[in-house]
Amino acid sequence: MKKNYDILAVSSYAKSGINRIYTRFNISNKGKIENIEVKGFSPEIEKEAIRTLLSFPDIIPANTISEANTNVNDSYTIMIQFEIKNTITNL
């Protein structure tokens, strides 16, 4: 997540200090990220969270502990957090 989320692209939409975006999504039994839901304070920051999640390679799906040993859908929640520090430049 840290490598893929483009903070510079959304920094003008971020607030000074700690910024948090909450994401919830499913990983299908085929390892694809699906049904992404995001909650942030600006649409641009939410769109970047979705783009970042969709940039992930396929993930090893959850597996049942049974004789069938089959892959199953599973849901996850991830919080993305970054900090914007204001700097003052003396001219």
Protein backbone atom coordinates (compact mmCIF):
# COMPACT_ATOMS: atom_id res chain seq x y z
CA MET A 1 0.00 0.00 0.00
CA LYS A 2 2.75 2.41 1.00
CA LYS A 3 4.56 2.09 -2.33
CA ASN A 4 1.44 2.40 -4.50
CA TYR A 5 -0.60 5.17 -2.86
CA ASP A 6 0.37 8.42 -4.59
CA ILE A 7 0.34 10.99 -1.79
CA LEU A 8 1.70 13.74 -4.04
CA ALA A 9 -1.24 13.33 -6.42
CA VAL A 10 -3.76 13.93 -3.62
CA SER A 11 -1.79 16.26 -1.33
CA SER A 12 -3.74 19.33 -2.51
CA TYR A 13 -6.97 17.60 -1.38
CA ALA A 14 -5.55 16.42 1.95
CA LYS A 15 -5.79 18.26 5.22
CA SER A 16 -2.78 19.27 7.28
CA GLY A 17 -1.85 16.58 9.78
CA ILE A 18 -2.95 12.95 9.85
CA ASN A 19 -5.22 11.81 6.99
CA ARG A 20 -7.11 8.51 7.17
CA ILE A 21 -9.00 6.62 4.50
CA TYR A 22 -10.94 3.52 5.49
CA THR A 23 -11.31 0.77 2.91
CA ARG A 24 -13.33 -2.43 2.91
CA PHE A 25 -13.18 -5.01 0.13
CA ASN A 26 -13.54 -8.67 -0.71
CA ILE A 27 -10.95 -11.04 -2.07
CA SER A 28 -12.70 -13.49 -4.36
CA ASN A 29 -11.99 -17.20 -4.41
CA LYS A 30 -9.90 -16.43 -7.51
CA GLY A 31 -7.71 -13.89 -5.64
CA LYS A 32 -9.20 -10.71 -7.15
CA ILE A 33 -10.01 -7.60 -5.10
CA GLU A 34 -13.71 -6.81 -5.51
CA ASN A 35 -16.55 -4.78 -3.97
CA ILE A 36 -14.31 -1.94 -2.78
CA GLU A 37 -15.87 0.57 -0.38
CA VAL A 38 -13.94 3.63 0.80
CA LYS A 39 -14.63 6.35 3.32
CA GLY A 40 -12.47 9.44 3.23
CA PHE A 41 -13.00 13.16 3.35
CA SER A 42 -12.64 13.91 -0.37
CA PRO A 43 -13.59 12.07 -3.56
CA GLU A 44 -10.07 12.46 -4.97
CA ILE A 45 -8.48 10.78 -1.96
CA GLU A 46 -11.07 7.98 -2.14
CA LYS A 47 -10.42 7.46 -5.87
CA GLU A 48 -6.68 7.13 -5.19
CA ALA A 49 -7.40 4.49 -2.53
CA ILE A 50 -9.48 2.51 -5.05
CA ARG A 51 -6.79 2.87 -7.73
CA THR A 52 -4.17 1.66 -5.26
CA LEU A 53 -6.16 -1.42 -4.26
CA LEU A 54 -6.87 -2.30 -7.88
CA SER A 55 -3.13 -2.06 -8.65
CA PHE A 56 -2.39 -5.01 -6.36
CA PRO A 57 -1.48 -8.30 -8.03
CA ASP A 58 -3.79 -11.26 -7.48
CA ILE A 59 -3.80 -12.38 -3.86
CA ILE A 60 -3.79 -15.95 -2.56
CA PRO A 61 -7.42 -16.43 -1.49
CA ALA A 62 -8.59 -17.80 1.84
CA ASN A 63 -8.97 -21.55 1.99
CA THR A 64 -11.31 -23.83 3.92
CA ILE A 65 -9.90 -26.27 6.41
CA SER A 66 -11.70 -29.35 5.23
CA GLU A 67 -11.31 -32.32 2.96
CA ALA A 68 -12.49 -30.21 0.03
CA ASN A 69 -9.72 -27.63 0.64
CA THR A 70 -11.51 -25.04 -1.49
CA ASN A 71 -10.81 -21.34 -1.93
CA VAL A 72 -13.42 -19.00 -0.44
CA ASN A 73 -14.34 -15.33 -0.63
CA ASP A 74 -13.17 -13.25 2.31
CA SER A 75 -13.54 -9.61 3.36
CA TYR A 76 -10.88 -7.25 4.67
CA THR A 77 -10.64 -3.76 6.09
CA ILE A 78 -7.54 -1.61 5.68
CA MET A 79 -6.95 1.91 6.93
CA ILE A 80 -4.64 4.05 4.81
CA GLN A 81 -2.96 6.76 6.84
CA PHE A 82 -0.55 9.50 5.83
CA GLU A 83 0.58 12.82 7.25
CA ILE A 84 0.78 16.17 5.51
CA LYS A 85 3.12 18.63 7.16
CA ASN A 86 2.84 22.30 6.28
CA THR A 87 6.16 24.01 5.78
CA ILE A 88 6.83 27.73 5.76
CA THR A 89 9.40 29.05 3.34
CA ASN A 90 11.08 32.34 4.14
CA LEU A 91 11.76 34.38 1.03
